[in-house]
């Protein structure tokens, strides 16, 4: 049993239309800034390197890591379907991950930013 060949009036033509030709050839993109760092001028003022975290920040972050470790320890020690494994330890983990560690990262940001702004404004006026 053979099926007759059916042609649909809305079907696409068998050959694809030719692509339009560009009037001008495409240019390769040029890089505006070089990949290597620009050489510093000898007369340009340099800023002293400062650690991103102070001792206070590191202590708060370590406290957060200890709280997270305590949460995992409670989860590991308690029975699988107990209240401590399903409720208490996740609350402790959320407090460690979402409260204490971010606070340790962000503690003192405002005071440091204002101190740097004051130093830069006084250095600009001295020249």
PDB file of N, CA and C in Angstrom:
ATOM      1  N   UNK A   1       0.842  -1.170   0.000  1.00  0.00           N
ATOM      2  CA  UNK A   1       0.000   0.000   0.000  1.00  0.00           C
ATOM      3  C   UNK A   1       0.896   1.244   0.000  1.00  0.00           C
ATOM      4  N   UNK A   2       0.785   2.028  -1.029  1.00  0.00           N
ATOM      5  CA  UNK A   2       1.595   3.242  -1.167  1.00  0.00           C
ATOM      6  C   UNK A   2       0.716   4.463  -0.953  1.00  0.00           C
ATOM      7  N   UNK A   3       1.325   5.446  -0.379  1.00  0.00           N
ATOM      8  CA  UNK A   3       0.593   6.685  -0.136  1.00  0.00           C
ATOM      9  C   UNK A   3       0.887   7.666  -1.242  1.00  0.00           C
ATOM     10  N   UNK A   4      -0.114   8.371  -1.699  1.00  0.00           N
ATOM     11  CA  UNK A   4       0.142   9.370  -2.747  1.00  0.00           C
ATOM     12  C   UNK A   4       0.916  10.553  -2.163  1.00  0.00           C
ATOM     13  N   UNK A   5       1.752  11.144  -2.982  1.00  0.00           N
ATOM     14  CA  UNK A   5       2.541  12.289  -2.550  1.00  0.00           C
ATOM     15  C   UNK A   5       1.626  13.503  -2.457  1.00  0.00           C
ATOM     16  N   UNK A   6       1.654  14.124  -1.265  1.00  0.00           N
ATOM     17  CA  UNK A   6       0.796  15.271  -1.035  1.00  0.00           C
ATOM     18  C   UNK A   6       1.669  16.505  -0.937  1.00  0.00           C
ATOM     19  N   UNK A   7       1.308  17.554  -1.643  1.00  0.00           N
ATOM     20  CA  UNK A   7       2.058  18.808  -1.540  1.00  0.00           C
ATOM     21  C   UNK A   7       1.147  19.842  -0.893  1.00  0.00           C
ATOM     22  N   UNK A   8       1.735  20.574   0.029  1.00  0.00           N
ATOM     23  CA  UNK A   8       0.978  21.592   0.730  1.00  0.00           C
ATOM     24  C   UNK A   8       1.254  22.940   0.083  1.00  0.00           C
ATOM     25  N   UNK A   9       0.223  23.750  -0.082  1.00  0.00           N
ATOM     26  CA  UNK A   9       0.445  25.042  -0.751  1.00  0.00           C
ATOM     27  C   UNK A   9       1.281  26.014   0.073  1.00  0.00           C
ATOM     28  N   UNK A  10       1.347  25.861   1.416  1.00  0.00           N
ATOM     29  CA  UNK A  10       2.074  26.802   2.266  1.00  0.00           C
ATOM     30  C   UNK A  10       3.496  26.338   2.573  1.00  0.00           C
ATOM     31  N   UNK A  11       3.975  25.286   1.948  1.00  0.00           N
ATOM     32  CA  UNK A  11       5.306  24.778   2.260  1.00  0.00           C
ATOM     33  C   UNK A  11       6.384  25.705   1.700  1.00  0.00           C
ATOM     34  N   UNK A  12       7.583  25.639   2.298  1.00  0.00           N
ATOM     35  CA  UNK A  12       8.704  26.480   1.895  1.00  0.00           C
ATOM     36  C   UNK A  12       9.281  25.962   0.588  1.00  0.00           C
ATOM     37  N   UNK A  13       9.889  26.833  -0.179  1.00  0.00           N
ATOM     38  CA  UNK A  13      10.525  26.365  -1.424  1.00  0.00           C
ATOM     39  C   UNK A  13      11.720  25.462  -1.100  1.00  0.00           C
ATOM     40  N   UNK A  14      12.073  24.634  -2.022  1.00  0.00           N
ATOM     41  CA  UNK A  14      13.128  23.646  -1.824  1.00  0.00           C
ATOM     42  C   UNK A  14      14.498  24.301  -1.693  1.00  0.00           C
ATOM     43  N   UNK A  15      14.752  25.420  -2.339  1.00  0.00           N
ATOM     44  CA  UNK A  15      16.055  26.079  -2.260  1.00  0.00           C
ATOM     45  C   UNK A  15      15.940  27.324  -1.401  1.00  0.00           C
ATOM     46  N   UNK A  16      16.949  27.544  -0.601  1.00  0.00           N
ATOM     47  CA  UNK A  16      16.972  28.721   0.266  1.00  0.00           C
ATOM     48  C   UNK A  16      17.403  29.938  -0.541  1.00  0.00           C
ATOM     49  N   UNK A  17      16.888  31.104  -0.233  1.00  0.00           N
ATOM     50  CA  UNK A  17      17.298  32.294  -0.986  1.00  0.00           C
ATOM     51  C   UNK A  17      18.755  32.631  -0.674  1.00  0.00           C
ATOM     52  N   UNK A  18      19.427  33.250  -1.609  1.00  0.00           N
ATOM     53  CA  UNK A  18      20.837  33.617  -1.439  1.00  0.00           C
ATOM     54  C   UNK A  18      20.961  34.726  -0.404  1.00  0.00           C
ATOM     55  N   UNK A  19      22.061  34.686   0.366  1.00  0.00           N
ATOM     56  CA  UNK A  19      22.293  35.720   1.376  1.00  0.00           C
ATOM     57  C   UNK A  19      22.722  37.006   0.693  1.00  0.00           C
ATOM     58  N   UNK A  20      22.303  38.140   1.231  1.00  0.00           N
ATOM     59  CA  UNK A  20      22.736  39.401   0.612  1.00  0.00           C
ATOM     60  C   UNK A  20      24.236  39.608   0.811  1.00  0.00           C
ATOM     61  N   UNK A  21      24.852  40.239  -0.146  1.00  0.00           N
ATOM     62  CA  UNK A  21      26.291  40.498  -0.108  1.00  0.00           C
ATOM     63  C   UNK A  21      26.518  41.871   0.505  1.00  0.00           C
ATOM     64  N   UNK A  22      27.488  41.956   1.437  1.00  0.00           N
ATOM     65  CA  UNK A  22      27.800  43.243   2.052  1.00  0.00           C
ATOM     66  C   UNK A  22      28.481  44.165   1.049  1.00  0.00           C
ATOM     67  N   UNK A  23      28.163  45.457   1.171  1.00  0.00           N
ATOM     68  CA  UNK A  23      28.784  46.430   0.283  1.00  0.00           C
ATOM     69  C   UNK A  23      30.245  46.640   0.661  1.00  0.00           C
ATOM     70  N   UNK A  24      30.550  46.659   1.974  1.00  0.00           N
ATOM     71  CA  UNK A  24      31.919  46.815   2.433  1.00  0.00           C
ATOM     72  C   UNK A  24      32.264  45.604   3.291  1.00  0.00           C
ATOM     73  N   UNK A  25      33.500  45.165   3.282  1.00  0.00           N
ATOM     74  CA  UNK A  25      33.869  44.017   4.107  1.00  0.00           C
ATOM     75  C   UNK A  25      33.825  44.376   5.588  1.00  0.00           C
ATOM     76  N   UNK A  26      33.525  43.390   6.410  1.00  0.00           N
ATOM     77  CA  UNK A  26      33.439  43.594   7.851  1.00  0.00           C
ATOM     78  C   UNK A  26      34.839  43.746   8.433  1.00  0.00           C
ATOM     79  N   UNK A  27      35.001  44.731   9.324  1.00  0.00           N
ATOM     80  CA  UNK A  27      36.296  44.960   9.947  1.00  0.00           C
ATOM     81  C   UNK A  27      36.371  44.207  11.262  1.00  0.00           C
ATOM     82  N   UNK A  28      37.567  43.790  11.601  1.00  0.00           N
ATOM     83  CA  UNK A  28      37.770  43.124  12.882  1.00  0.00           C
ATOM     84  C   UNK A  28      37.625  44.158  13.992  1.00  0.00           C
ATOM     85  N   UNK A  29      37.001  43.766  15.119  1.00  0.00           N
ATOM     86  CA  UNK A  29      36.860  44.741  16.206  1.00  0.00           C
ATOM     87  C   UNK A  29      38.217  45.117  16.783  1.00  0.00           C
ATOM     88  N   UNK A  30      38.356  46.362  17.124  1.00  0.00           N
ATOM     89  CA  UNK A  30      39.615  46.834  17.694  1.00  0.00           C
ATOM     90  C   UNK A  30      39.445  47.008  19.191  1.00  0.00           C
ATOM     91  N   UNK A  31      40.497  46.725  19.925  1.00  0.00           N
ATOM     92  CA  UNK A  31      40.462  46.856  21.383  1.00  0.00           C
ATOM     93  C   UNK A  31      40.866  48.278  21.739  1.00  0.00           C
ATOM     94  N   UNK A  32      40.001  48.939  22.500  1.00  0.00           N
ATOM     95  CA  UNK A  32      40.279  50.325  22.867  1.00  0.00           C
ATOM     96  C   UNK A  32      41.309  50.418  23.985  1.00  0.00           C
ATOM     97  N   UNK A  33      41.263  49.470  24.935  1.00  0.00           N
ATOM     98  CA  UNK A  33      42.201  49.506  26.056  1.00  0.00           C
ATOM     99  C   UNK A  33      43.152  48.316  25.939  1.00  0.00           C
ATOM    100  N   UNK A  34      44.404  48.508  26.240  1.00  0.00           N
ATOM    101  CA  UNK A  34      45.349  47.392  26.145  1.00  0.00           C
ATOM    102  C   UNK A  34      45.108  46.374  27.258  1.00  0.00           C
ATOM    103  N   UNK A  35      45.525  45.138  27.013  1.00  0.00           N
ATOM    104  CA  UNK A  35      45.365  44.094  28.010  1.00  0.00           C
ATOM    105  C   UNK A  35      46.314  44.303  29.185  1.00  0.00           C
ATOM    106  N   UNK A  36      47.505  44.751  28.918  1.00  0.00           N
ATOM    107  CA  UNK A  36      48.479  44.966  29.986  1.00  0.00           C
ATOM    108  C   UNK A  36      48.149  46.270  30.716  1.00  0.00           C
ATOM    109  N   UNK A  37      48.538  46.331  31.975  1.00  0.00           N
ATOM    110  CA  UNK A  37      48.308  47.548  32.745  1.00  0.00           C
ATOM    111  C   UNK A  37      49.179  48.677  32.207  1.00  0.00           C
ATOM    112  N   UNK A  38      48.627  49.851  32.271  1.00  0.00           N
ATOM    113  CA  UNK A  38      49.392  51.009  31.829  1.00  0.00           C
ATOM    114  C   UNK A  38      50.517  51.270  32.825  1.00  0.00           C
ATOM    115  N   UNK A  39      51.648  51.743  32.330  1.00  0.00           N
ATOM    116  CA  UNK A  39      52.760  52.036  33.217  1.00  0.00           C
ATOM    117  C   UNK A  39      52.421  53.246  34.072  1.00  0.00           C
ATOM    118  N   UNK A  40      52.801  53.141  35.346  1.00  0.00           N
ATOM    119  CA  UNK A  40      52.534  54.242  36.253  1.00  0.00           C
ATOM    120  C   UNK A  40      53.556  55.346  36.023  1.00  0.00           C
ATOM    121  N   UNK A  41      53.079  56.555  36.170  1.00  0.00           N
ATOM    122  CA  UNK A  41      53.987  57.690  36.060  1.00  0.00           C
ATOM    123  C   UNK A  41      54.761  57.813  37.362  1.00  0.00           C
ATOM    124  N   UNK A  42      56.005  58.205  37.254  1.00  0.00           N
ATOM    125  CA  UNK A  42      56.840  58.329  38.446  1.00  0.00           C
ATOM    126  C   UNK A  42      56.348  59.425  39.386  1.00  0.00           C
ATOM    127  N   UNK A  43      55.735  60.462  38.841  1.00  0.00           N
ATOM    128  CA  UNK A  43      55.299  61.565  39.686  1.00  0.00           C
ATOM    129  C   UNK A  43      53.902  61.349  40.269  1.00  0.00           C
ATOM    130  N   UNK A  44      53.209  60.274  39.884  1.00  0.00           N
ATOM    131  CA  UNK A  44      51.865  60.024  40.392  1.00  0.00           C
ATOM    132  C   UNK A  44      51.940  59.533  41.837  1.00  0.00           C
ATOM    133  N   UNK A  45      51.055  60.039  42.717  1.00  0.00           N
ATOM    134  CA  UNK A  45      51.084  59.580  44.111  1.00  0.00           C
ATOM    135  C   UNK A  45      50.598  58.135  44.205  1.00  0.00           C
ATOM    136  N   UNK A  46      51.225  57.368  45.079  1.00  0.00           N
ATOM    137  CA  UNK A  46      50.827  55.982  45.274  1.00  0.00           C
ATOM    138  C   UNK A  46      50.117  55.855  46.604  1.00  0.00           C
ATOM    139  N   UNK A  47      49.157  54.928  46.668  1.00  0.00           N
ATOM    140  CA  UNK A  47      48.425  54.687  47.897  1.00  0.00           C
ATOM    141  C   UNK A  47      49.034  53.511  48.625  1.00  0.00           C
ATOM    142  N   UNK A  48      49.113  53.614  49.924  1.00  0.00           N
ATOM    143  CA  UNK A  48      49.650  52.537  50.742  1.00  0.00           C
ATOM    144  C   UNK A  48      48.669  51.378  50.760  1.00  0.00           C
ATOM    145  N   UNK A  49      49.180  50.143  50.687  1.00  0.00           N
ATOM    146  CA  UNK A  49      48.326  48.963  50.701  1.00  0.00           C
ATOM    147  C   UNK A  49      47.695  48.789  52.077  1.00  0.00           C
ATOM    148  N   UNK A  50      46.397  48.533  52.082  1.00  0.00           N
ATOM    149  CA  UNK A  50      45.692  48.270  53.329  1.00  0.00           C
ATOM    150  C   UNK A  50      45.016  46.915  53.226  1.00  0.00           C
ATOM    151  N   UNK A  51      45.086  46.155  54.305  1.00  0.00           N
ATOM    152  CA  UNK A  51      44.397  44.869  54.340  1.00  0.00           C
ATOM    153  C   UNK A  51      42.895  45.112  54.268  1.00  0.00           C
ATOM    154  N   UNK A  52      42.163  44.271  53.533  1.00  0.00           N
ATOM    155  CA  UNK A  52      40.717  44.490  53.432  1.00  0.00           C
ATOM    156  C   UNK A  52      39.991  44.235  54.751  1.00  0.00           C
ATOM    157  N   UNK A  53      40.536  43.358  55.603  1.00  0.00           N
ATOM    158  CA  UNK A  53      39.904  43.064  56.887  1.00  0.00           C
ATOM    159  C   UNK A  53      40.840  43.433  58.019  1.00  0.00           C
ATOM    160  N   UNK A  54      40.230  43.941  59.062  1.00  0.00           N
ATOM    161  CA  UNK A  54      40.991  44.235  60.270  1.00  0.00           C
ATOM    162  C   UNK A  54      40.860  43.049  61.210  1.00  0.00           C
ATOM    163  N   UNK A  55      41.524  43.116  62.367  1.00  0.00           N
ATOM    164  CA  UNK A  55      41.456  42.025  63.338  1.00  0.00           C
ATOM    165  C   UNK A  55      40.037  41.771  63.830  1.00  0.00           C
ATOM    166  N   UNK A  56      39.266  42.846  63.986  1.00  0.00           N
ATOM    167  CA  UNK A  56      37.878  42.718  64.429  1.00  0.00           C
ATOM    168  C   UNK A  56      37.058  41.912  63.419  1.00  0.00           C
ATOM    169  N   UNK A  57      37.236  42.204  62.135  1.00  0.00           N
ATOM    170  CA  UNK A  57      36.506  41.482  61.098  1.00  0.00           C
ATOM    171  C   UNK A  57      36.862  39.999  61.110  1.00  0.00           C
ATOM    172  N   UNK A  58      38.126  39.692  61.234  1.00  0.00           N
ATOM    173  CA  UNK A  58      38.566  38.300  61.198  1.00  0.00           C
ATOM    174  C   UNK A  58      38.012  37.536  62.392  1.00  0.00           C
ATOM    175  N   UNK A  59      37.993  38.174  63.571  1.00  0.00           N
ATOM    176  CA  UNK A  59      37.418  37.497  64.751  1.00  0.00           C
ATOM    177  C   UNK A  59      35.934  37.216  64.569  1.00  0.00           C
ATOM    178  N   UNK A  60      35.187  38.152  63.990  1.00  0.00           N
ATOM    179  CA  UNK A  60      33.748  37.942  63.775  1.00  0.00           C
ATOM    180  C   UNK A  60      33.524  36.841  62.751  1.00  0.00           C
ATOM    181  N   UNK A  61      34.323  36.816  61.685  1.00  0.00           N
ATOM    182  CA  UNK A  61      34.176  35.763  60.672  1.00  0.00           C
ATOM    183  C   UNK A  61      34.514  34.401  61.276  1.00  0.00           C
ATOM    184  N   UNK A  62      35.561  34.322  62.090  1.00  0.00           N
ATOM    185  CA  UNK A  62      35.896  33.052  62.745  1.00  0.00           C
ATOM    186  C   UNK A  62      34.793  32.611  63.704  1.00  0.00           C
ATOM    187  N   UNK A  63      34.154  33.559  64.397  1.00  0.00           N
ATOM    188  CA  UNK A  63      33.008  33.223  65.233  1.00  0.00           C
ATOM    189  C   UNK A  63      31.883  32.645  64.385  1.00  0.00           C
ATOM    190  N   UNK A  64      31.647  33.218  63.225  1.00  0.00           N
ATOM    191  CA  UNK A  64      30.622  32.692  62.319  1.00  0.00           C
ATOM    192  C   UNK A  64      30.949  31.291  61.850  1.00  0.00           C
ATOM    193  N   UNK A  65      32.224  31.035  61.556  1.00  0.00           N
ATOM    194  CA  UNK A  65      32.635  29.689  61.135  1.00  0.00           C
ATOM    195  C   UNK A  65      32.430  28.693  62.274  1.00  0.00           C
ATOM    196  N   UNK A  66      32.725  29.111  63.517  1.00  0.00           N
ATOM    197  CA  UNK A  66      32.490  28.230  64.670  1.00  0.00           C
ATOM    198  C   UNK A  66      30.999  27.952  64.867  1.00  0.00           C
ATOM    199  N   UNK A  67      30.154  28.960  64.673  1.00  0.00           N
ATOM    200  CA  UNK A  67      28.703  28.759  64.795  1.00  0.00           C
ATOM    201  C   UNK A  67      28.216  27.795  63.722  1.00  0.00           C
ATOM    202  N   UNK A  68      28.711  27.933  62.507  1.00  0.00           N
ATOM    203  CA  UNK A  68      28.337  27.007  61.425  1.00  0.00           C
ATOM    204  C   UNK A  68      28.804  25.591  61.769  1.00  0.00           C
ATOM    205  N   UNK A  69      30.021  25.468  62.273  1.00  0.00           N
ATOM    206  CA  UNK A  69      30.513  24.150  62.691  1.00  0.00           C
ATOM    207  C   UNK A  69      29.665  23.555  63.800  1.00  0.00           C
ATOM    208  N   UNK A  70      29.234  24.382  64.749  1.00  0.00           N
ATOM    209  CA  UNK A  70      28.349  23.915  65.815  1.00  0.00           C
ATOM    210  C   UNK A  70      27.024  23.419  65.245  1.00  0.00           C
ATOM    211  N   UNK A  71      26.485  24.138  64.267  1.00  0.00           N
ATOM    212  CA  UNK A  71      25.239  23.700  63.633  1.00  0.00           C
ATOM    213  C   UNK A  71      25.378  22.347  62.963  1.00  0.00           C
ATOM    214  N   UNK A  72      26.482  22.144  62.253  1.00  0.00           N
ATOM    215  CA  UNK A  72      26.708  20.847  61.609  1.00  0.00           C
ATOM    216  C   UNK A  72      26.972  19.757  62.643  1.00  0.00           C
ATOM    217  N   UNK A  73      27.657  20.093  63.720  1.00  0.00           N
ATOM    218  CA  UNK A  73      27.913  19.115  64.778  1.00  0.00           C
ATOM    219  C   UNK A  73      26.610  18.668  65.439  1.00  0.00           C
ATOM    220  N   UNK A  74      25.725  19.615  65.719  1.00  0.00           N
ATOM    221  CA  UNK A  74      24.422  19.262  66.294  1.00  0.00           C
ATOM    222  C   UNK A  74      23.633  18.393  65.321  1.00  0.00           C
ATOM    223  N   UNK A  75      23.672  18.723  64.044  1.00  0.00           N
ATOM    224  CA  UNK A  75      22.942  17.929  63.055  1.00  0.00           C
ATOM    225  C   UNK A  75      23.518  16.511  62.968  1.00  0.00           C
ATOM    226  N   UNK A  76      24.820  16.386  63.084  1.00  0.00           N
ATOM    227  CA  UNK A  76      25.474  15.079  62.971  1.00  0.00           C
ATOM    228  C   UNK A  76      25.210  14.217  64.203  1.00  0.00           C
ATOM    229  N   UNK A  77      25.189  14.820  65.400  1.00  0.00           N
ATOM    230  CA  UNK A  77      25.029  14.068  66.639  1.00  0.00           C
ATOM    231  C   UNK A  77      23.589  13.640  66.898  1.00  0.00           C
ATOM    232  N   UNK A  78      22.617  14.394  66.413  1.00  0.00           N
ATOM    233  CA  UNK A  78      21.226  14.111  66.748  1.00  0.00           C
ATOM    234  C   UNK A  78      20.657  13.019  65.841  1.00  0.00           C
ATOM    235  N   UNK A  79      19.602  12.328  66.323  1.00  0.00           N
ATOM    236  CA  UNK A  79      18.942  11.340  65.460  1.00  0.00           C
ATOM    237  C   UNK A  79      18.376  12.005  64.205  1.00  0.00           C
ATOM    238  N   UNK A  80      18.164  11.217  63.170  1.00  0.00           N
ATOM    239  CA  UNK A  80      17.838  11.746  61.849  1.00  0.00           C
ATOM    240  C   UNK A  80      16.569  12.593  61.822  1.00  0.00           C
ATOM    241  N   UNK A  81      15.480  12.106  62.361  1.00  0.00           N
ATOM    242  CA  UNK A  81      14.213  12.822  62.274  1.00  0.00           C
ATOM    243  C   UNK A  81      13.866  13.536  63.572  1.00  0.00           C
ATOM    244  N   UNK A  82      14.833  13.989  64.329  1.00  0.00           N
ATOM    245  CA  UNK A  82      14.564  14.648  65.604  1.00  0.00           C
ATOM    246  C   UNK A  82      14.380  16.156  65.405  1.00  0.00           C
ATOM    247  N   UNK A  83      13.889  16.805  66.462  1.00  0.00           N
ATOM    248  CA  UNK A  83      13.655  18.241  66.422  1.00  0.00           C
ATOM    249  C   UNK A  83      14.976  19.002  66.258  1.00  0.00           C
ATOM    250  N   UNK A  84      16.027  18.519  66.879  1.00  0.00           N
ATOM    251  CA  UNK A  84      17.312  19.225  66.790  1.00  0.00           C
ATOM    252  C   UNK A  84      17.901  19.157  65.383  1.00  0.00           C
ATOM    253  N   UNK A  85      17.741  18.003  64.722  1.00  0.00           N
ATOM    254  CA  UNK A  85      18.295  17.873  63.368  1.00  0.00           C
ATOM    255  C   UNK A  85      17.468  18.621  62.335  1.00  0.00           C
ATOM    256  N   UNK A  86      16.158  18.690  62.540  1.00  0.00           N
ATOM    257  CA  UNK A  86      15.287  19.300  61.531  1.00  0.00           C
ATOM    258  C   UNK A  86      14.981  20.768  61.790  1.00  0.00           C
ATOM    259  N   UNK A  87      15.150  21.253  63.029  1.00  0.00           N
ATOM    260  CA  UNK A  87      14.773  22.628  63.335  1.00  0.00           C
ATOM    261  C   UNK A  87      15.921  23.430  63.934  1.00  0.00           C
ATOM    262  N   UNK A  88      16.508  22.937  65.002  1.00  0.00           N
ATOM    263  CA  UNK A  88      17.511  23.715  65.727  1.00  0.00           C
ATOM    264  C   UNK A  88      18.784  23.932  64.909  1.00  0.00           C
ATOM    265  N   UNK A  89      19.351  22.872  64.349  1.00  0.00           N
ATOM    266  CA  UNK A  89      20.614  23.042  63.619  1.00  0.00           C
ATOM    267  C   UNK A  89      20.453  23.867  62.341  1.00  0.00           C
ATOM    268  N   UNK A  90      19.340  23.749  61.569  1.00  0.00           N
ATOM    269  CA  UNK A  90      19.205  24.677  60.433  1.00  0.00           C
ATOM    270  C   UNK A  90      19.102  26.138  60.850  1.00  0.00           C
ATOM    271  N   UNK A  91      18.452  26.408  61.997  1.00  0.00           N
ATOM    272  CA  UNK A  91      18.377  27.788  62.474  1.00  0.00           C
ATOM    273  C   UNK A  91      19.778  28.293  62.830  1.00  0.00           C
ATOM    274  N   UNK A  92      20.563  27.461  63.489  1.00  0.00           N
ATOM    275  CA  UNK A  92      21.933  27.848  63.845  1.00  0.00           C
ATOM    276  C   UNK A  92      22.772  28.067  62.583  1.00  0.00           C
ATOM    277  N   UNK A  93      22.608  27.218  61.571  1.00  0.00           N
ATOM    278  CA  UNK A  93      23.350  27.379  60.322  1.00  0.00           C
ATOM    279  C   UNK A  93      22.965  28.668  59.603  1.00  0.00           C
ATOM    280  N   UNK A  94      21.669  28.987  59.587  1.00  0.00           N
ATOM    281  CA  UNK A  94      21.228  30.222  58.923  1.00  0.00           C
ATOM    282  C   UNK A  94      21.793  31.438  59.649  1.00  0.00           C
ATOM    283  N   UNK A  95      21.797  31.396  60.989  1.00  0.00           N
ATOM    284  CA  UNK A  95      22.369  32.513  61.745  1.00  0.00           C
ATOM    285  C   UNK A  95      23.857  32.659  61.434  1.00  0.00           C
ATOM    286  N   UNK A  96      24.572  31.533  61.349  1.00  0.00           N
ATOM    287  CA  UNK A  96      26.002  31.606  61.045  1.00  0.00           C
ATOM    288  C   UNK A  96      26.282  32.106  59.645  1.00  0.00           C
ATOM    289  N   UNK A  97      25.593  31.510  58.638  1.00  0.00           N
ATOM    290  CA  UNK A  97      25.862  31.857  57.244  1.00  0.00           C
ATOM    291  C   UNK A  97      25.296  33.221  56.851  1.00  0.00           C
ATOM    292  N   UNK A  98      24.102  33.549  57.324  1.00  0.00           N
ATOM    293  CA  UNK A  98      23.410  34.734  56.812  1.00  0.00           C
ATOM    294  C   UNK A  98      23.481  35.952  57.729  1.00  0.00           C
ATOM    295  N   UNK A  99      23.943  35.787  58.965  1.00  0.00           N
ATOM    296  CA  UNK A  99      24.002  36.931  59.872  1.00  0.00           C
ATOM    297  C   UNK A  99      25.438  37.211  60.306  1.00  0.00           C
ATOM    298  N   UNK A 100      26.084  36.237  60.930  1.00  0.00           N
ATOM    299  CA  UNK A 100      27.381  36.508  61.559  1.00  0.00           C
ATOM    300  C   UNK A 100      28.491  36.700  60.526  1.00  0.00           C
ATOM    301  N   UNK A 101      28.611  35.802  59.554  1.00  0.00           N
ATOM    302  CA  UNK A 101      29.689  35.931  58.557  1.00  0.00           C
ATOM    303  C   UNK A 101      29.523  37.195  57.705  1.00  0.00           C
ATOM    304  N   UNK A 102      28.314  37.511  57.175  1.00  0.00           N
ATOM    305  CA  UNK A 102      28.194  38.793  56.452  1.00  0.00           C
ATOM    306  C   UNK A 102      28.470  40.013  57.324  1.00  0.00           C
ATOM    307  N   UNK A 103      28.072  39.958  58.599  1.00  0.00           N
ATOM    308  CA  UNK A 103      28.380  41.077  59.491  1.00  0.00           C
ATOM    309  C   UNK A 103      29.896  41.214  59.663  1.00  0.00           C
ATOM    310  N   UNK A 104      30.587  40.081  59.763  1.00  0.00           N
ATOM    311  CA  UNK A 104      32.043  40.130  59.875  1.00  0.00           C
ATOM    312  C   UNK A 104      32.703  40.705  58.642  1.00  0.00           C
ATOM    313  N   UNK A 105      32.128  40.453  57.475  1.00  0.00           N
ATOM    314  CA  UNK A 105      32.686  41.001  56.240  1.00  0.00           C
ATOM    315  C   UNK A 105      32.419  42.500  56.145  1.00  0.00           C
ATOM    316  N   UNK A 106      31.226  42.910  56.545  1.00  0.00           N
ATOM    317  CA  UNK A 106      30.834  44.301  56.361  1.00  0.00           C
ATOM    318  C   UNK A 106      31.118  45.203  57.556  1.00  0.00           C
ATOM    319  N   UNK A 107      31.569  44.657  58.676  1.00  0.00           N
ATOM    320  CA  UNK A 107      31.794  45.478  59.876  1.00  0.00           C
ATOM    321  C   UNK A 107      32.884  46.504  59.614  1.00  0.00           C
ATOM    322  N   UNK A 108      32.601  47.749  59.900  1.00  0.00           N
ATOM    323  CA  UNK A 108      33.590  48.813  59.739  1.00  0.00           C
ATOM    324  C   UNK A 108      33.715  49.358  58.341  1.00  0.00           C
ATOM    325  N   UNK A 109      32.822  49.001  57.415  1.00  0.00           N
ATOM    326  CA  UNK A 109      32.945  49.478  56.041  1.00  0.00           C
ATOM    327  C   UNK A 109      32.685  50.980  55.972  1.00  0.00           C
ATOM    328  N   UNK A 110      31.695  51.464  56.688  1.00  0.00           N
ATOM    329  CA  UNK A 110      31.367  52.893  56.636  1.00  0.00           C
ATOM    330  C   UNK A 110      32.501  53.744  57.193  1.00  0.00           C
ATOM    331  N   UNK A 111      33.038  53.339  58.326  1.00  0.00           N
ATOM    332  CA  UNK A 111      34.103  54.144  58.916  1.00  0.00           C
ATOM    333  C   UNK A 111      35.356  54.127  58.052  1.00  0.00           C
ATOM    334  N   UNK A 112      35.662  52.965  57.446  1.00  0.00           N
ATOM    335  CA  UNK A 112      36.848  52.882  56.586  1.00  0.00           C
ATOM    336  C   UNK A 112      36.645  53.714  55.316  1.00  0.00           C
ATOM    337  N   UNK A 113      35.428  53.683  54.740  1.00  0.00           N
ATOM    338  CA  UNK A 113      35.160  54.452  53.532  1.00  0.00           C
ATOM    339  C   UNK A 113      35.240  55.948  53.815  1.00  0.00           C
ATOM    340  N   UNK A 114      34.724  56.386  54.947  1.00  0.00           N
ATOM    341  CA  UNK A 114      34.798  57.812  55.262  1.00  0.00           C
ATOM    342  C   UNK A 114      36.235  58.229  55.558  1.00  0.00           C
ATOM    343  N   UNK A 115      37.013  57.329  56.187  1.00  0.00           N
ATOM    344  CA  UNK A 115      38.410  57.645  56.495  1.00  0.00           C
ATOM    345  C   UNK A 115      39.225  57.767  55.204  1.00  0.00           C
ATOM    346  N   UNK A 116      38.984  56.875  54.244  1.00  0.00           N
ATOM    347  CA  UNK A 116      39.702  56.926  52.967  1.00  0.00           C
ATOM    348  C   UNK A 116      39.306  58.177  52.195  1.00  0.00           C
ATOM    349  N   UNK A 117      38.016  58.534  52.237  1.00  0.00           N
ATOM    350  CA  UNK A 117      37.567  59.738  51.533  1.00  0.00           C
ATOM    351  C   UNK A 117      38.209  60.980  52.130  1.00  0.00           C
ATOM    352  N   UNK A 118      38.342  61.022  53.462  1.00  0.00           N
ATOM    353  CA  UNK A 118      38.984  62.179  54.097  1.00  0.00           C
ATOM    354  C   UNK A 118      40.458  62.272  53.712  1.00  0.00           C
ATOM    355  N   UNK A 119      41.152  61.110  53.673  1.00  0.00           N
ATOM    356  CA  UNK A 119      42.573  61.115  53.322  1.00  0.00           C
ATOM    357  C   UNK A 119      42.770  61.571  51.890  1.00  0.00           C
ATOM    358  N   UNK A 120      41.895  61.108  50.966  1.00  0.00           N
ATOM    359  CA  UNK A 120      42.036  61.493  49.568  1.00  0.00           C
ATOM    360  C   UNK A 120      41.744  62.973  49.376  1.00  0.00           C
ATOM    361  N   UNK A 121      40.729  63.496  50.086  1.00  0.00           N
ATOM    362  CA  UNK A 121      40.407  64.920  49.919  1.00  0.00           C
ATOM    363  C   UNK A 121      41.524  65.807  50.491  1.00  0.00           C
ATOM    364  N   UNK A 122      42.151  65.381  51.580  1.00  0.00           N
ATOM    365  CA  UNK A 122      43.248  66.179  52.125  1.00  0.00           C
ATOM    366  C   UNK A 122      44.493  66.074  51.245  1.00  0.00           C
ATOM    367  N   UNK A 123      44.708  64.927  50.629  1.00  0.00           N
ATOM    368  CA  UNK A 123      45.857  64.769  49.733  1.00  0.00           C
ATOM    369  C   UNK A 123      45.672  65.587  48.466  1.00  0.00           C
ATOM    370  N   UNK A 124      44.446  65.698  47.977  1.00  0.00           N
ATOM    371  CA  UNK A 124      44.201  66.490  46.774  1.00  0.00           C
ATOM    372  C   UNK A 124      44.400  67.974  47.029  1.00  0.00           C
ATOM    373  N   UNK A 125      44.084  68.430  48.229  1.00  0.00           N
ATOM    374  CA  UNK A 125      44.254  69.844  48.533  1.00  0.00           C
ATOM    375  C   UNK A 125      45.701  70.215  48.786  1.00  0.00           C
ATOM    376  N   UNK A 126      46.537  69.241  49.177  1.00  0.00           N
ATOM    377  CA  UNK A 126      47.938  69.530  49.508  1.00  0.00           C
ATOM    378  C   UNK A 126      48.767  69.810  48.273  1.00  0.00           C
ATOM    379  N   UNK A 127      48.383  69.287  47.137  1.00  0.00           N
ATOM    380  CA  UNK A 127      49.166  69.467  45.926  1.00  0.00           C
ATOM    381  C   UNK A 127      48.942  70.842  45.422  1.00  0.00           C
TER     382      UNK A 127
END
